[in-house]
Amino acid sequence: GTEFSNGTLEATGVPFLKEFRLEWQMPVWVFDINGYVIEKKILMPYGSNTVYVSYRLLEGGEIPLNIRLYCACRKHDSSLGYPNAWPFTVTVHGDYYEVSAFEGAPVLKLRLNPVEGSFVTQQDVLKSVFYRMEHERGLDDTENIVSPGFFTMPLKEGRSSYLLASTEPWETLEADPAEIF
């Protein structure tokens, strides 16, 4: 969920959450959304600025899945928030996507596996997102975060689909996620 500076908490998935567990320190969520049972796993390899997110439809037939990306980027020890002078840009290279913040910032590389989806450009802004740990440390604790759009892909029963994201070289996202999970 998302916590906002006014104290509200947005956690729309909570009513659908049926199970949470750890598998060898990997978080696994199971959601039941009107008979569609979806398992989500997240893997973040040690020492790599990379995340692999697995979605598997356990029950319910094929459904579309939308994954909206919210981005924040700042230089080390800089203030929170992004200036309007550098909105995030998305570059498409076939089935590969890059999100850039500003000159010199790491480029976020994204891809779907299998490649059965698309990216829809539709900007959104979450305003006044609150960061509790920064607040406890006495640092800037509130910012707006931006979404340049979302991925949409079909989820097919019994098969995993993956969102891969990294600031590492593209080769990092060439691995077969089925072998990683």
C-alpha atoms as a PDB file:
ATOM      1  CA  GLY A   1       0.000   0.000   0.000  1.00  0.00           C
ATOM      2  CA  THR A   2       0.852   3.653  -0.040  1.00  0.00           C
ATOM      3  CA  GLU A   3       0.892   5.955   2.972  1.00  0.00           C
ATOM      4  CA  PHE A   4       0.172   9.637   2.426  1.00  0.00           C
ATOM      5  CA  SER A   5       1.272  12.660   4.448  1.00  0.00           C
ATOM      6  CA  ASN A   6      -2.300  13.257   5.684  1.00  0.00           C
ATOM      7  CA  GLY A   7      -2.208   9.856   7.449  1.00  0.00           C
ATOM      8  CA  THR A   8      -4.368   7.912   5.006  1.00  0.00           C
ATOM      9  CA  LEU A   9      -3.248   4.516   3.814  1.00  0.00           C
ATOM     10  CA  GLU A  10      -4.218   3.200   0.397  1.00  0.00           C
ATOM     11  CA  ALA A  11      -4.098  -0.597   0.383  1.00  0.00           C
ATOM     12  CA  THR A  12      -6.633  -1.678  -2.238  1.00  0.00           C
ATOM     13  CA  GLY A  13      -5.257  -5.223  -2.517  1.00  0.00           C
ATOM     14  CA  VAL A  14      -5.644  -6.110   1.166  1.00  0.00           C
ATOM     15  CA  PRO A  15      -9.268  -7.373   0.954  1.00  0.00           C
ATOM     16  CA  PHE A  16      -8.169  -9.849  -1.736  1.00  0.00           C
ATOM     17  CA  LEU A  17      -5.031 -11.089   0.041  1.00  0.00           C
ATOM     18  CA  LYS A  18      -5.568 -14.719   1.075  1.00  0.00           C
ATOM     19  CA  GLU A  19      -2.034 -15.744   1.998  1.00  0.00           C
ATOM     20  CA  PHE A  20       1.441 -14.388   2.553  1.00  0.00           C
ATOM     21  CA  ARG A  21       4.492 -16.582   3.081  1.00  0.00           C
ATOM     22  CA  LEU A  22       8.236 -16.709   2.585  1.00  0.00           C
ATOM     23  CA  GLU A  23       9.859 -19.317   0.364  1.00  0.00           C
ATOM     24  CA  TRP A  24      13.583 -19.306   1.128  1.00  0.00           C
ATOM     25  CA  GLN A  25      13.344 -15.607   2.044  1.00  0.00           C
ATOM     26  CA  MET A  26      11.375 -14.799  -1.138  1.00  0.00           C
ATOM     27  CA  PRO A  27       8.027 -13.090  -0.439  1.00  0.00           C
ATOM     28  CA  VAL A  28       4.954 -14.761  -1.935  1.00  0.00           C
ATOM     29  CA  TRP A  29       1.455 -13.278  -1.959  1.00  0.00           C
ATOM     30  CA  VAL A  30      -1.714 -15.140  -2.997  1.00  0.00           C
ATOM     31  CA  PHE A  31      -4.729 -13.049  -3.969  1.00  0.00           C
ATOM     32  CA  ASP A  32      -8.277 -14.227  -4.704  1.00  0.00           C
ATOM     33  CA  ILE A  33     -10.071 -11.641  -6.821  1.00  0.00           C
ATOM     34  CA  ASN A  34     -13.588 -12.876  -7.586  1.00  0.00           C
ATOM     35  CA  GLY A  35     -12.420 -16.452  -8.192  1.00  0.00           C
ATOM     36  CA  TYR A  36      -9.181 -15.524  -9.978  1.00  0.00           C
ATOM     37  CA  VAL A  37      -6.385 -16.792  -7.729  1.00  0.00           C
ATOM     38  CA  ILE A  38      -3.085 -15.045  -8.465  1.00  0.00           C
ATOM     39  CA  GLU A  39       0.300 -15.796  -6.919  1.00  0.00           C
ATOM     40  CA  LYS A  40       2.903 -13.022  -6.894  1.00  0.00           C
ATOM     41  CA  LYS A  41       6.577 -13.525  -6.047  1.00  0.00           C
ATOM     42  CA  ILE A  42       9.401 -11.008  -5.899  1.00  0.00           C
ATOM     43  CA  LEU A  43      13.084 -11.842  -6.232  1.00  0.00           C
ATOM     44  CA  MET A  44      15.853  -9.269  -5.816  1.00  0.00           C
ATOM     45  CA  PRO A  45      19.266 -10.885  -6.414  1.00  0.00           C
ATOM     46  CA  TYR A  46      21.959  -9.905  -3.931  1.00  0.00           C
ATOM     47  CA  GLY A  47      24.396  -7.284  -5.251  1.00  0.00           C
ATOM     48  CA  SER A  48      22.320  -6.370  -8.302  1.00  0.00           C
ATOM     49  CA  ASN A  49      19.997  -3.411  -8.908  1.00  0.00           C
ATOM     50  CA  THR A  50      17.467  -5.831 -10.348  1.00  0.00           C
ATOM     51  CA  VAL A  51      14.011  -7.123  -9.481  1.00  0.00           C
ATOM     52  CA  TYR A  52      12.095 -10.051 -10.958  1.00  0.00           C
ATOM     53  CA  VAL A  53       8.349 -10.148 -10.313  1.00  0.00           C
ATOM     54  CA  SER A  54       6.462 -13.345 -11.102  1.00  0.00           C
ATOM     55  CA  TYR A  55       2.688 -13.521 -11.580  1.00  0.00           C
ATOM     56  CA  ARG A  56       1.010 -16.921 -11.849  1.00  0.00           C
ATOM     57  CA  LEU A  57      -2.704 -17.475 -12.322  1.00  0.00           C
ATOM     58  CA  LEU A  58      -3.550 -20.517 -10.197  1.00  0.00           C
ATOM     59  CA  GLU A  59      -7.315 -20.588 -10.861  1.00  0.00           C
ATOM     60  CA  GLY A  60      -9.903 -18.807 -12.952  1.00  0.00           C
ATOM     61  CA  GLY A  61      -9.035 -18.864 -16.654  1.00  0.00           C
ATOM     62  CA  GLU A  62      -7.241 -16.138 -18.636  1.00  0.00           C
ATOM     63  CA  ILE A  63      -7.477 -12.532 -17.437  1.00  0.00           C
ATOM     64  CA  PRO A  64      -5.680  -9.273 -18.268  1.00  0.00           C
ATOM     65  CA  LEU A  65      -3.153  -7.979 -15.735  1.00  0.00           C
ATOM     66  CA  ASN A  66      -2.201  -4.292 -15.529  1.00  0.00           C
ATOM     67  CA  ILE A  67       0.990  -3.312 -13.720  1.00  0.00           C
ATOM     68  CA  ARG A  68       1.420   0.417 -13.127  1.00  0.00           C
ATOM     69  CA  LEU A  69       4.953   1.663 -12.465  1.00  0.00           C
ATOM     70  CA  TYR A  70       5.548   4.564 -10.103  1.00  0.00           C
ATOM     71  CA  CYS A  71       8.998   6.103 -10.304  1.00  0.00           C
ATOM     72  CA  ALA A  72      11.099   8.215  -8.007  1.00  0.00           C
ATOM     73  CA  CYS A  73      14.677   9.220  -8.657  1.00  0.00           C
ATOM     74  CA  ARG A  74      17.061  11.517  -6.861  1.00  0.00           C
ATOM     75  CA  LYS A  75      20.756  11.991  -6.515  1.00  0.00           C
ATOM     76  CA  HIS A  76      22.360  10.585  -3.367  1.00  0.00           C
ATOM     77  CA  ASP A  77      21.500  12.775  -0.367  1.00  0.00           C
ATOM     78  CA  SER A  78      19.332  15.076  -2.498  1.00  0.00           C
ATOM     79  CA  SER A  79      15.940  16.334  -1.445  1.00  0.00           C
ATOM     80  CA  LEU A  80      12.879  14.287  -2.291  1.00  0.00           C
ATOM     81  CA  GLY A  81      10.616  15.175  -5.176  1.00  0.00           C
ATOM     82  CA  TYR A  82      11.155  15.620  -8.838  1.00  0.00           C
ATOM     83  CA  PRO A  83      11.201  18.992 -10.540  1.00  0.00           C
ATOM     84  CA  ASN A  84       8.771  19.410 -13.412  1.00  0.00           C
ATOM     85  CA  ALA A  85      11.787  20.280 -15.570  1.00  0.00           C
ATOM     86  CA  TRP A  86      12.685  16.588 -15.880  1.00  0.00           C
ATOM     87  CA  PRO A  87       9.578  14.429 -16.191  1.00  0.00           C
ATOM     88  CA  PHE A  88      10.262  10.745 -16.710  1.00  0.00           C
ATOM     89  CA  THR A  89      10.587   9.661 -20.319  1.00  0.00           C
ATOM     90  CA  VAL A  90       9.960   6.194 -21.733  1.00  0.00           C
ATOM     91  CA  THR A  91      11.964   4.881 -24.660  1.00  0.00           C
ATOM     92  CA  VAL A  92      10.862   1.748 -26.494  1.00  0.00           C
ATOM     93  CA  HIS A  93      13.328  -0.586 -28.214  1.00  0.00           C
ATOM     94  CA  GLY A  94      11.106  -3.352 -29.602  1.00  0.00           C
ATOM     95  CA  ASP A  95      10.120  -5.407 -26.542  1.00  0.00           C
ATOM     96  CA  TYR A  96      12.514  -3.529 -24.248  1.00  0.00           C
ATOM     97  CA  TYR A  97      11.595  -0.361 -22.363  1.00  0.00           C
ATOM     98  CA  GLU A  98      13.734   2.283 -20.680  1.00  0.00           C
ATOM     99  CA  VAL A  99      12.594   4.880 -18.163  1.00  0.00           C
ATOM    100  CA  SER A 100      14.855   7.916 -17.737  1.00  0.00           C
ATOM    101  CA  ALA A 101      14.640  10.668 -15.137  1.00  0.00           C
ATOM    102  CA  PHE A 102      17.384  13.179 -15.910  1.00  0.00           C
ATOM    103  CA  GLU A 103      20.854  13.427 -17.445  1.00  0.00           C
ATOM    104  CA  GLY A 104      23.225  11.193 -15.490  1.00  0.00           C
ATOM    105  CA  ALA A 105      20.518   9.268 -13.629  1.00  0.00           C
ATOM    106  CA  PRO A 106      20.500   5.471 -13.924  1.00  0.00           C
ATOM    107  CA  VAL A 107      18.199   4.226 -16.670  1.00  0.00           C
ATOM    108  CA  LEU A 108      15.551   1.762 -15.530  1.00  0.00           C
ATOM    109  CA  LYS A 109      15.343  -1.112 -18.021  1.00  0.00           C
ATOM    110  CA  LEU A 110      12.116  -3.130 -18.206  1.00  0.00           C
ATOM    111  CA  ARG A 111      10.761  -6.098 -20.102  1.00  0.00           C
ATOM    112  CA  LEU A 112       7.991  -8.645 -19.939  1.00  0.00           C
ATOM    113  CA  ASN A 113       8.533 -12.383 -20.240  1.00  0.00           C
ATOM    114  CA  PRO A 114       6.900 -13.928 -22.147  1.00  0.00           C
ATOM    115  CA  VAL A 115       6.542 -10.981 -24.485  1.00  0.00           C
ATOM    116  CA  GLU A 116       2.756 -10.967 -24.654  1.00  0.00           C
ATOM    117  CA  GLY A 117       1.883  -7.520 -23.505  1.00  0.00           C
ATOM    118  CA  SER A 118       2.424  -3.865 -24.122  1.00  0.00           C
ATOM    119  CA  PHE A 119       3.181  -0.618 -22.369  1.00  0.00           C
ATOM    120  CA  VAL A 120       0.435   1.997 -22.271  1.00  0.00           C
ATOM    121  CA  THR A 121       1.633   5.571 -21.809  1.00  0.00           C
ATOM    122  CA  GLN A 122      -0.740   7.222 -19.374  1.00  0.00           C
ATOM    123  CA  GLN A 123       0.865   9.496 -16.802  1.00  0.00           C
ATOM    124  CA  ASP A 124      -0.388   9.525 -13.225  1.00  0.00           C
ATOM    125  CA  VAL A 125       0.917  11.230 -10.092  1.00  0.00           C
ATOM    126  CA  LEU A 126       0.551  10.091  -6.486  1.00  0.00           C
ATOM    127  CA  LYS A 127       0.733  13.266  -4.440  1.00  0.00           C
ATOM    128  CA  SER A 128       2.159  13.608  -0.931  1.00  0.00           C
ATOM    129  CA  VAL A 129       3.514  10.067  -0.527  1.00  0.00           C
ATOM    130  CA  PHE A 130       4.893   9.704   2.994  1.00  0.00           C
ATOM    131  CA  TYR A 131       8.113   7.819   3.787  1.00  0.00           C
ATOM    132  CA  ARG A 132       7.952   6.742   7.428  1.00  0.00           C
ATOM    133  CA  MET A 133      11.644   5.729   7.766  1.00  0.00           C
ATOM    134  CA  GLU A 134      12.868   9.046   6.353  1.00  0.00           C
ATOM    135  CA  HIS A 135      10.560  10.809   8.813  1.00  0.00           C
ATOM    136  CA  GLU A 136      12.019   8.821  11.740  1.00  0.00           C
ATOM    137  CA  ARG A 137      15.533   9.739  10.569  1.00  0.00           C
ATOM    138  CA  GLY A 138      14.651  13.444  10.429  1.00  0.00           C
ATOM    139  CA  LEU A 139      14.991  13.605   6.626  1.00  0.00           C
ATOM    140  CA  ASP A 140      12.657  14.868   3.902  1.00  0.00           C
ATOM    141  CA  ASP A 141       9.695  12.506   4.137  1.00  0.00           C
ATOM    142  CA  THR A 142       7.093  13.483   1.533  1.00  0.00           C
ATOM    143  CA  GLU A 143       7.116  13.618  -2.257  1.00  0.00           C
ATOM    144  CA  ASN A 144       4.980  13.168  -5.338  1.00  0.00           C
ATOM    145  CA  ILE A 145       5.796  10.055  -7.356  1.00  0.00           C
ATOM    146  CA  VAL A 146       5.111   9.744 -11.059  1.00  0.00           C
ATOM    147  CA  SER A 147       3.877   6.910 -13.226  1.00  0.00           C
ATOM    148  CA  PRO A 148       4.653   7.237 -16.938  1.00  0.00           C
ATOM    149  CA  GLY A 149       2.188   4.418 -17.704  1.00  0.00           C
ATOM    150  CA  PHE A 150       1.478   0.749 -17.183  1.00  0.00           C
ATOM    151  CA  PHE A 151       2.117  -2.667 -18.634  1.00  0.00           C
ATOM    152  CA  THR A 152      -0.832  -4.783 -19.649  1.00  0.00           C
ATOM    153  CA  MET A 153      -0.492  -8.503 -20.345  1.00  0.00           C
ATOM    154  CA  PRO A 154      -2.636 -11.627 -20.331  1.00  0.00           C
ATOM    155  CA  LEU A 155      -2.352 -13.966 -17.372  1.00  0.00           C
ATOM    156  CA  LYS A 156      -2.966 -17.550 -18.408  1.00  0.00           C
ATOM    157  CA  GLU A 157      -3.943 -20.233 -15.943  1.00  0.00           C
ATOM    158  CA  GLY A 158      -1.074 -22.448 -14.815  1.00  0.00           C
ATOM    159  CA  ARG A 159       1.646 -20.339 -16.463  1.00  0.00           C
ATOM    160  CA  SER A 160       3.906 -17.671 -14.971  1.00  0.00           C
ATOM    161  CA  SER A 161       4.401 -14.237 -16.490  1.00  0.00           C
ATOM    162  CA  TYR A 162       7.181 -11.932 -15.400  1.00  0.00           C
ATOM    163  CA  LEU A 163       8.050  -8.264 -15.131  1.00  0.00           C
ATOM    164  CA  LEU A 164      11.815  -7.762 -15.105  1.00  0.00           C
ATOM    165  CA  ALA A 165      13.421  -4.466 -14.077  1.00  0.00           C
ATOM    166  CA  SER A 166      17.042  -3.433 -13.671  1.00  0.00           C
ATOM    167  CA  THR A 167      19.537  -0.602 -13.852  1.00  0.00           C
ATOM    168  CA  GLU A 168      22.193  -3.185 -14.791  1.00  0.00           C
ATOM    169  CA  PRO A 169      23.188  -3.987 -18.425  1.00  0.00           C
ATOM    170  CA  TRP A 170      20.449  -5.422 -20.660  1.00  0.00           C
ATOM    171  CA  GLU A 171      22.017  -8.888 -20.456  1.00  0.00           C
ATOM    172  CA  THR A 172      20.764  -9.053 -16.858  1.00  0.00           C
ATOM    173  CA  LEU A 173      17.197  -9.213 -18.175  1.00  0.00           C
ATOM    174  CA  GLU A 174      17.974 -11.852 -20.799  1.00  0.00           C
ATOM    175  CA  ALA A 175      17.988 -14.687 -18.261  1.00  0.00           C
ATOM    176  CA  ASP A 176      15.033 -17.074 -18.311  1.00  0.00           C
ATOM    177  CA  PRO A 177      13.024 -16.124 -15.214  1.00  0.00           C
ATOM    178  CA  ALA A 178      11.621 -19.667 -14.960  1.00  0.00           C
ATOM    179  CA  GLU A 179      15.155 -20.840 -14.134  1.00  0.00           C
ATOM    180  CA  ILE A 180      15.556 -18.139 -11.463  1.00  0.00           C
ATOM    181  CA  PHE A 181      12.303 -18.902  -9.657  1.00  0.00           C
END
